[in-house]
């Protein structure tokens, strides 16, 4: 393991490393300080690795600084849709007992356009269930959370089912402290309905890998510089 985490790791290599680890350690790899991932680098661009922490948990390299001409593009805003419900519970897992569907661990960061992590950002998620239906009475598959010190977030959920007339998607609201709300939607790669969906945008596609327990996804939200 020491030798593995000391090598130069690309985004996909980090995800594959995470998939080979137990779930808590996988989450540490994907949602720790690995945000060299966020700078829209090609898969072949390497970011430095780092040695493990004293407790043996891999401690990955901090985010490299962006140059002035490498500022990140702000996340595209999209329609809210008809099914937003305010006052959702604060939680990082939307999984309920006996919930049908493929498990998805979605993790990533919120960054300012100048490439600085944004802690304490409110992120609200809501989505359809495995059958493509929304809970418009309660808070099934609805919740919000706040980013940590490094702007990181993680969400345990399921792959949303297909709502009639739409491709597979997750609704999101993102609000950095003292900033306006960004409302958008996240999509999945290689979905047959992507090309037929009227608002699908490739800049909002989650980077997804299969794992033994379901799927691992990574997406970084970019907000206007504070």
C-alpha atoms as a PDB file:
ATOM      1  CA  UNK A   1       0.000   0.000   0.000  1.00  0.00           C
ATOM      2  CA  UNK A   2       2.843   2.431   0.865  1.00  0.00           C
ATOM      3  CA  UNK A   3       4.341   1.948  -2.561  1.00  0.00           C
ATOM      4  CA  UNK A   4       0.974   2.360  -4.238  1.00  0.00           C
ATOM      5  CA  UNK A   5       0.042   5.655  -2.633  1.00  0.00           C
ATOM      6  CA  UNK A   6       3.510   7.119  -3.229  1.00  0.00           C
ATOM      7  CA  UNK A   7       3.159   6.838  -7.004  1.00  0.00           C
ATOM      8  CA  UNK A   8       1.848   9.571  -9.279  1.00  0.00           C
ATOM      9  CA  UNK A   9      -1.902   9.090  -9.379  1.00  0.00           C
ATOM     10  CA  UNK A  10      -4.356  10.190 -12.039  1.00  0.00           C
ATOM     11  CA  UNK A  11      -8.069  10.671 -11.406  1.00  0.00           C
ATOM     12  CA  UNK A  12      -8.979   7.201 -12.676  1.00  0.00           C
ATOM     13  CA  UNK A  13      -6.115   5.602 -10.765  1.00  0.00           C
ATOM     14  CA  UNK A  14      -7.383   7.217  -7.558  1.00  0.00           C
ATOM     15  CA  UNK A  15     -10.859   5.855  -8.182  1.00  0.00           C
ATOM     16  CA  UNK A  16      -9.566   2.366  -8.937  1.00  0.00           C
ATOM     17  CA  UNK A  17      -7.488   2.476  -5.765  1.00  0.00           C
ATOM     18  CA  UNK A  18     -10.594   3.446  -3.817  1.00  0.00           C
ATOM     19  CA  UNK A  19     -12.623   0.594  -5.296  1.00  0.00           C
ATOM     20  CA  UNK A  20     -10.043  -1.907  -4.074  1.00  0.00           C
ATOM     21  CA  UNK A  21     -10.310  -0.671  -0.491  1.00  0.00           C
ATOM     22  CA  UNK A  22     -12.926  -1.178   2.233  1.00  0.00           C
ATOM     23  CA  UNK A  23     -15.753   1.370   2.075  1.00  0.00           C
ATOM     24  CA  UNK A  24     -14.515   3.744   4.837  1.00  0.00           C
ATOM     25  CA  UNK A  25     -11.028   3.861   3.347  1.00  0.00           C
ATOM     26  CA  UNK A  26     -12.425   4.238  -0.161  1.00  0.00           C
ATOM     27  CA  UNK A  27     -14.363   7.280   0.970  1.00  0.00           C
ATOM     28  CA  UNK A  28     -11.214   8.693   2.573  1.00  0.00           C
ATOM     29  CA  UNK A  29      -9.352   8.320  -0.718  1.00  0.00           C
ATOM     30  CA  UNK A  30     -12.100   9.865  -2.818  1.00  0.00           C
ATOM     31  CA  UNK A  31     -13.129  12.668  -0.469  1.00  0.00           C
ATOM     32  CA  UNK A  32      -9.781  13.484   1.125  1.00  0.00           C
ATOM     33  CA  UNK A  33      -7.368  16.102  -0.181  1.00  0.00           C
ATOM     34  CA  UNK A  34      -7.280  14.760  -3.738  1.00  0.00           C
ATOM     35  CA  UNK A  35      -8.583  17.860  -5.458  1.00  0.00           C
ATOM     36  CA  UNK A  36      -5.854  17.982  -8.056  1.00  0.00           C
ATOM     37  CA  UNK A  37      -8.633  16.050  -9.743  1.00  0.00           C
ATOM     38  CA  UNK A  38     -10.781  19.161 -10.020  1.00  0.00           C
ATOM     39  CA  UNK A  39      -8.578  21.164 -12.326  1.00  0.00           C
ATOM     40  CA  UNK A  40     -10.090  19.514 -15.416  1.00  0.00           C
ATOM     41  CA  UNK A  41      -6.877  17.643 -16.096  1.00  0.00           C
ATOM     42  CA  UNK A  42      -6.625  14.989 -18.777  1.00  0.00           C
ATOM     43  CA  UNK A  43      -6.550  11.443 -17.441  1.00  0.00           C
ATOM     44  CA  UNK A  44      -2.901  11.199 -18.478  1.00  0.00           C
ATOM     45  CA  UNK A  45      -1.886  14.246 -16.419  1.00  0.00           C
ATOM     46  CA  UNK A  46      -0.410  12.984 -13.168  1.00  0.00           C
ATOM     47  CA  UNK A  47      -0.738  14.576  -9.753  1.00  0.00           C
ATOM     48  CA  UNK A  48       1.795  13.878  -7.011  1.00  0.00           C
ATOM     49  CA  UNK A  49       1.012  11.170  -4.500  1.00  0.00           C
ATOM     50  CA  UNK A  50       1.913  11.304  -0.841  1.00  0.00           C
ATOM     51  CA  UNK A  51       2.943   9.020   1.948  1.00  0.00           C
ATOM     52  CA  UNK A  52       0.434   7.503   4.364  1.00  0.00           C
ATOM     53  CA  UNK A  53      -0.580   9.211   7.582  1.00  0.00           C
ATOM     54  CA  UNK A  54       0.703   7.749  10.892  1.00  0.00           C
ATOM     55  CA  UNK A  55      -2.476   5.674  11.276  1.00  0.00           C
ATOM     56  CA  UNK A  56      -1.867   4.062   7.876  1.00  0.00           C
ATOM     57  CA  UNK A  57      -4.611   5.929   6.006  1.00  0.00           C
ATOM     58  CA  UNK A  58      -3.356   7.222   2.646  1.00  0.00           C
ATOM     59  CA  UNK A  59      -2.877  10.999   2.807  1.00  0.00           C
ATOM     60  CA  UNK A  60      -2.911  12.288  -0.746  1.00  0.00           C
ATOM     61  CA  UNK A  61      -1.221  15.436  -1.999  1.00  0.00           C
ATOM     62  CA  UNK A  62      -2.951  18.795  -1.552  1.00  0.00           C
ATOM     63  CA  UNK A  63      -4.455  20.525  -4.540  1.00  0.00           C
ATOM     64  CA  UNK A  64      -1.917  22.200  -6.801  1.00  0.00           C
ATOM     65  CA  UNK A  65      -2.516  25.920  -7.254  1.00  0.00           C
ATOM     66  CA  UNK A  66      -4.190  26.951 -10.490  1.00  0.00           C
ATOM     67  CA  UNK A  67      -2.500  29.508 -12.689  1.00  0.00           C
ATOM     68  CA  UNK A  68      -4.390  32.635 -13.662  1.00  0.00           C
ATOM     69  CA  UNK A  69      -5.276  31.185 -17.048  1.00  0.00           C
ATOM     70  CA  UNK A  70      -6.434  27.894 -15.515  1.00  0.00           C
ATOM     71  CA  UNK A  71      -9.381  29.202 -13.535  1.00  0.00           C
ATOM     72  CA  UNK A  72     -12.252  26.741 -13.393  1.00  0.00           C
ATOM     73  CA  UNK A  73     -15.449  27.203 -15.379  1.00  0.00           C
ATOM     74  CA  UNK A  74     -18.483  27.839 -13.185  1.00  0.00           C
ATOM     75  CA  UNK A  75     -21.023  25.012 -12.987  1.00  0.00           C
ATOM     76  CA  UNK A  76     -23.804  25.406 -15.518  1.00  0.00           C
ATOM     77  CA  UNK A  77     -27.185  26.359 -14.078  1.00  0.00           C
ATOM     78  CA  UNK A  78     -30.253  24.410 -15.174  1.00  0.00           C
ATOM     79  CA  UNK A  79     -33.963  24.370 -14.484  1.00  0.00           C
ATOM     80  CA  UNK A  80     -35.113  23.303 -11.027  1.00  0.00           C
ATOM     81  CA  UNK A  81     -37.907  21.139 -12.385  1.00  0.00           C
ATOM     82  CA  UNK A  82     -41.313  20.687 -10.724  1.00  0.00           C
ATOM     83  CA  UNK A  83     -40.437  18.553  -7.714  1.00  0.00           C
ATOM     84  CA  UNK A  84     -38.216  20.541  -5.333  1.00  0.00           C
ATOM     85  CA  UNK A  85     -39.324  20.338  -1.668  1.00  0.00           C
ATOM     86  CA  UNK A  86     -37.802  22.792   0.843  1.00  0.00           C
ATOM     87  CA  UNK A  87     -36.693  21.967   4.393  1.00  0.00           C
ATOM     88  CA  UNK A  88     -35.149  18.586   3.596  1.00  0.00           C
ATOM     89  CA  UNK A  89     -33.263  16.789   6.387  1.00  0.00           C
ATOM     90  CA  UNK A  90     -29.531  17.328   6.788  1.00  0.00           C
ATOM     91  CA  UNK A  91     -27.841  14.016   5.990  1.00  0.00           C
ATOM     92  CA  UNK A  92     -25.091  12.470   3.887  1.00  0.00           C
ATOM     93  CA  UNK A  93     -26.951   9.234   3.140  1.00  0.00           C
ATOM     94  CA  UNK A  94     -30.288   8.990   1.356  1.00  0.00           C
ATOM     95  CA  UNK A  95     -30.359   5.196   1.666  1.00  0.00           C
ATOM     96  CA  UNK A  96     -33.312   3.705   3.531  1.00  0.00           C
ATOM     97  CA  UNK A  97     -33.819   0.113   4.699  1.00  0.00           C
ATOM     98  CA  UNK A  98     -34.786  -2.227   1.850  1.00  0.00           C
ATOM     99  CA  UNK A  99     -34.457   0.566  -0.744  1.00  0.00           C
ATOM    100  CA  UNK A 100     -34.310  -0.835  -4.265  1.00  0.00           C
ATOM    101  CA  UNK A 101     -31.677   0.288  -6.722  1.00  0.00           C
ATOM    102  CA  UNK A 102     -27.966   0.266  -7.483  1.00  0.00           C
ATOM    103  CA  UNK A 103     -25.949   1.934  -4.740  1.00  0.00           C
ATOM    104  CA  UNK A 104     -24.040   5.086  -5.673  1.00  0.00           C
ATOM    105  CA  UNK A 105     -21.379   6.852  -3.628  1.00  0.00           C
ATOM    106  CA  UNK A 106     -21.100  10.362  -5.057  1.00  0.00           C
ATOM    107  CA  UNK A 107     -18.248  12.484  -3.771  1.00  0.00           C
ATOM    108  CA  UNK A 108     -16.391  15.609  -4.787  1.00  0.00           C
ATOM    109  CA  UNK A 109     -15.747  19.241  -3.956  1.00  0.00           C
ATOM    110  CA  UNK A 110     -17.080  22.756  -4.217  1.00  0.00           C
ATOM    111  CA  UNK A 111     -14.445  25.144  -5.560  1.00  0.00           C
ATOM    112  CA  UNK A 112     -14.434  28.826  -6.394  1.00  0.00           C
ATOM    113  CA  UNK A 113     -13.645  29.697  -9.986  1.00  0.00           C
ATOM    114  CA  UNK A 114     -10.190  30.814  -8.871  1.00  0.00           C
ATOM    115  CA  UNK A 115      -9.469  27.234  -7.687  1.00  0.00           C
ATOM    116  CA  UNK A 116      -9.987  27.735  -3.940  1.00  0.00           C
ATOM    117  CA  UNK A 117     -12.049  25.186  -1.939  1.00  0.00           C
ATOM    118  CA  UNK A 118     -15.253  26.605  -0.477  1.00  0.00           C
ATOM    119  CA  UNK A 119     -16.117  25.198   2.985  1.00  0.00           C
ATOM    120  CA  UNK A 120     -19.577  25.420   4.552  1.00  0.00           C
ATOM    121  CA  UNK A 121     -21.315  25.351   1.179  1.00  0.00           C
ATOM    122  CA  UNK A 122     -24.912  24.136   1.289  1.00  0.00           C
ATOM    123  CA  UNK A 123     -25.615  21.329  -1.191  1.00  0.00           C
ATOM    124  CA  UNK A 124     -29.166  20.040  -1.607  1.00  0.00           C
ATOM    125  CA  UNK A 125     -29.881  16.817  -3.505  1.00  0.00           C
ATOM    126  CA  UNK A 126     -33.165  15.307  -4.678  1.00  0.00           C
ATOM    127  CA  UNK A 127     -33.923  12.590  -7.197  1.00  0.00           C
ATOM    128  CA  UNK A 128     -36.288   9.921  -8.459  1.00  0.00           C
ATOM    129  CA  UNK A 129     -36.289   6.447  -6.954  1.00  0.00           C
ATOM    130  CA  UNK A 130     -35.354   3.247  -8.776  1.00  0.00           C
ATOM    131  CA  UNK A 131     -38.759   3.234 -10.502  1.00  0.00           C
ATOM    132  CA  UNK A 132     -38.381   6.814 -11.736  1.00  0.00           C
ATOM    133  CA  UNK A 133     -40.831   8.269  -9.197  1.00  0.00           C
ATOM    134  CA  UNK A 134     -40.371  11.263  -6.878  1.00  0.00           C
ATOM    135  CA  UNK A 135     -41.554  11.405  -3.295  1.00  0.00           C
ATOM    136  CA  UNK A 136     -43.677  14.568  -3.231  1.00  0.00           C
ATOM    137  CA  UNK A 137     -45.176  13.845   0.204  1.00  0.00           C
ATOM    138  CA  UNK A 138     -42.120  13.140   2.378  1.00  0.00           C
ATOM    139  CA  UNK A 139     -38.355  13.342   2.023  1.00  0.00           C
ATOM    140  CA  UNK A 140     -37.457  10.042   0.423  1.00  0.00           C
ATOM    141  CA  UNK A 141     -34.259  10.549  -1.600  1.00  0.00           C
ATOM    142  CA  UNK A 142     -34.033  14.187  -0.528  1.00  0.00           C
ATOM    143  CA  UNK A 143     -31.460  15.789   1.747  1.00  0.00           C
ATOM    144  CA  UNK A 144     -28.897  18.522   2.230  1.00  0.00           C
ATOM    145  CA  UNK A 145     -25.403  18.799   3.679  1.00  0.00           C
ATOM    146  CA  UNK A 146     -22.531  21.271   4.073  1.00  0.00           C
ATOM    147  CA  UNK A 147     -19.047  20.957   2.636  1.00  0.00           C
ATOM    148  CA  UNK A 148     -16.085  20.370   4.926  1.00  0.00           C
ATOM    149  CA  UNK A 149     -12.895  22.370   5.401  1.00  0.00           C
ATOM    150  CA  UNK A 150     -11.511  21.396   2.006  1.00  0.00           C
ATOM    151  CA  UNK A 151     -14.823  21.963   0.244  1.00  0.00           C
ATOM    152  CA  UNK A 152     -15.496  18.216   0.115  1.00  0.00           C
ATOM    153  CA  UNK A 153     -18.871  16.478   0.167  1.00  0.00           C
ATOM    154  CA  UNK A 154     -20.048  12.859  -0.043  1.00  0.00           C
ATOM    155  CA  UNK A 155     -23.474  11.380  -0.675  1.00  0.00           C
ATOM    156  CA  UNK A 156     -24.679   7.801  -0.374  1.00  0.00           C
ATOM    157  CA  UNK A 157     -27.675   7.263  -2.631  1.00  0.00           C
ATOM    158  CA  UNK A 158     -28.915   5.072  -5.501  1.00  0.00           C
ATOM    159  CA  UNK A 159     -28.868   5.464  -9.241  1.00  0.00           C
ATOM    160  CA  UNK A 160     -32.052   7.372 -10.051  1.00  0.00           C
ATOM    161  CA  UNK A 161     -34.586   5.624 -12.248  1.00  0.00           C
ATOM    162  CA  UNK A 162     -35.779   7.059 -15.533  1.00  0.00           C
ATOM    163  CA  UNK A 163     -38.469   9.707 -15.135  1.00  0.00           C
ATOM    164  CA  UNK A 164     -40.678   9.749 -18.276  1.00  0.00           C
ATOM    165  CA  UNK A 165     -39.238  11.992 -20.959  1.00  0.00           C
ATOM    166  CA  UNK A 166     -35.888  12.520 -19.204  1.00  0.00           C
ATOM    167  CA  UNK A 167     -32.507  10.893 -19.044  1.00  0.00           C
ATOM    168  CA  UNK A 168     -31.094   9.681 -15.716  1.00  0.00           C
ATOM    169  CA  UNK A 169     -30.318  12.681 -13.490  1.00  0.00           C
ATOM    170  CA  UNK A 170     -29.965  14.068  -9.960  1.00  0.00           C
ATOM    171  CA  UNK A 171     -31.180  17.558  -9.015  1.00  0.00           C
ATOM    172  CA  UNK A 172     -28.854  19.796  -7.019  1.00  0.00           C
ATOM    173  CA  UNK A 173     -28.824  23.230  -5.413  1.00  0.00           C
ATOM    174  CA  UNK A 174     -25.460  24.672  -4.370  1.00  0.00           C
ATOM    175  CA  UNK A 175     -25.079  27.799  -2.240  1.00  0.00           C
ATOM    176  CA  UNK A 176     -21.669  29.001  -1.098  1.00  0.00           C
ATOM    177  CA  UNK A 177     -21.693  31.260   1.971  1.00  0.00           C
ATOM    178  CA  UNK A 178     -23.122  34.709   1.119  1.00  0.00           C
ATOM    179  CA  UNK A 179     -23.485  33.743  -2.539  1.00  0.00           C
ATOM    180  CA  UNK A 180     -26.521  33.129  -4.766  1.00  0.00           C
ATOM    181  CA  UNK A 181     -27.955  29.632  -5.188  1.00  0.00           C
ATOM    182  CA  UNK A 182     -26.866  27.606  -8.208  1.00  0.00           C
ATOM    183  CA  UNK A 183     -29.567  25.178  -9.318  1.00  0.00           C
ATOM    184  CA  UNK A 184     -28.450  22.430 -11.672  1.00  0.00           C
ATOM    185  CA  UNK A 185     -28.725  18.738 -12.562  1.00  0.00           C
ATOM    186  CA  UNK A 186     -26.127  15.969 -12.727  1.00  0.00           C
ATOM    187  CA  UNK A 187     -26.088  13.316 -15.423  1.00  0.00           C
ATOM    188  CA  UNK A 188     -24.545   9.904 -16.045  1.00  0.00           C
ATOM    189  CA  UNK A 189     -22.218   8.791 -18.849  1.00  0.00           C
ATOM    190  CA  UNK A 190     -23.261   6.540 -21.731  1.00  0.00           C
ATOM    191  CA  UNK A 191     -26.990   6.798 -21.035  1.00  0.00           C
ATOM    192  CA  UNK A 192     -29.051   6.104 -24.192  1.00  0.00           C
ATOM    193  CA  UNK A 193     -31.441   8.949 -23.347  1.00  0.00           C
ATOM    194  CA  UNK A 194     -28.726  11.612 -23.007  1.00  0.00           C
ATOM    195  CA  UNK A 195     -28.866  12.560 -26.685  1.00  0.00           C
ATOM    196  CA  UNK A 196     -32.652  12.793 -26.585  1.00  0.00           C
ATOM    197  CA  UNK A 197     -32.912  14.858 -23.411  1.00  0.00           C
ATOM    198  CA  UNK A 198     -33.672  18.506 -24.168  1.00  0.00           C
ATOM    199  CA  UNK A 199     -31.522  19.981 -21.372  1.00  0.00           C
ATOM    200  CA  UNK A 200     -28.740  17.404 -21.024  1.00  0.00           C
ATOM    201  CA  UNK A 201     -25.281  19.016 -20.992  1.00  0.00           C
ATOM    202  CA  UNK A 202     -22.007  17.036 -21.079  1.00  0.00           C
ATOM    203  CA  UNK A 203     -20.325  19.466 -18.655  1.00  0.00           C
ATOM    204  CA  UNK A 204     -22.640  18.108 -15.940  1.00  0.00           C
ATOM    205  CA  UNK A 205     -21.801  14.409 -16.391  1.00  0.00           C
ATOM    206  CA  UNK A 206     -20.564  12.605 -13.268  1.00  0.00           C
ATOM    207  CA  UNK A 207     -17.324  10.634 -13.613  1.00  0.00           C
ATOM    208  CA  UNK A 208     -18.515   7.122 -12.701  1.00  0.00           C
ATOM    209  CA  UNK A 209     -16.741   3.819 -12.042  1.00  0.00           C
ATOM    210  CA  UNK A 210     -18.208   0.431 -11.161  1.00  0.00           C
ATOM    211  CA  UNK A 211     -17.415  -1.050  -7.743  1.00  0.00           C
ATOM    212  CA  UNK A 212     -18.280  -4.277  -5.964  1.00  0.00           C
ATOM    213  CA  UNK A 213     -21.049  -2.519  -4.031  1.00  0.00           C
ATOM    214  CA  UNK A 214     -22.483  -0.458  -6.893  1.00  0.00           C
ATOM    215  CA  UNK A 215     -20.943   2.649  -8.407  1.00  0.00           C
ATOM    216  CA  UNK A 216     -18.527   5.392  -7.371  1.00  0.00           C
ATOM    217  CA  UNK A 217     -19.042   8.873  -8.790  1.00  0.00           C
ATOM    218  CA  UNK A 218     -17.059  12.098  -8.668  1.00  0.00           C
ATOM    219  CA  UNK A 219     -18.149  15.642  -9.514  1.00  0.00           C
ATOM    220  CA  UNK A 220     -16.788  19.069  -8.604  1.00  0.00           C
ATOM    221  CA  UNK A 221     -19.097  22.075  -8.416  1.00  0.00           C
ATOM    222  CA  UNK A 222     -17.542  25.424  -9.277  1.00  0.00           C
ATOM    223  CA  UNK A 223     -19.049  28.638  -7.952  1.00  0.00           C
ATOM    224  CA  UNK A 224     -18.187  32.273  -8.633  1.00  0.00           C
ATOM    225  CA  UNK A 225     -15.148  33.504  -6.764  1.00  0.00           C
ATOM    226  CA  UNK A 226     -15.962  34.963  -3.368  1.00  0.00           C
END
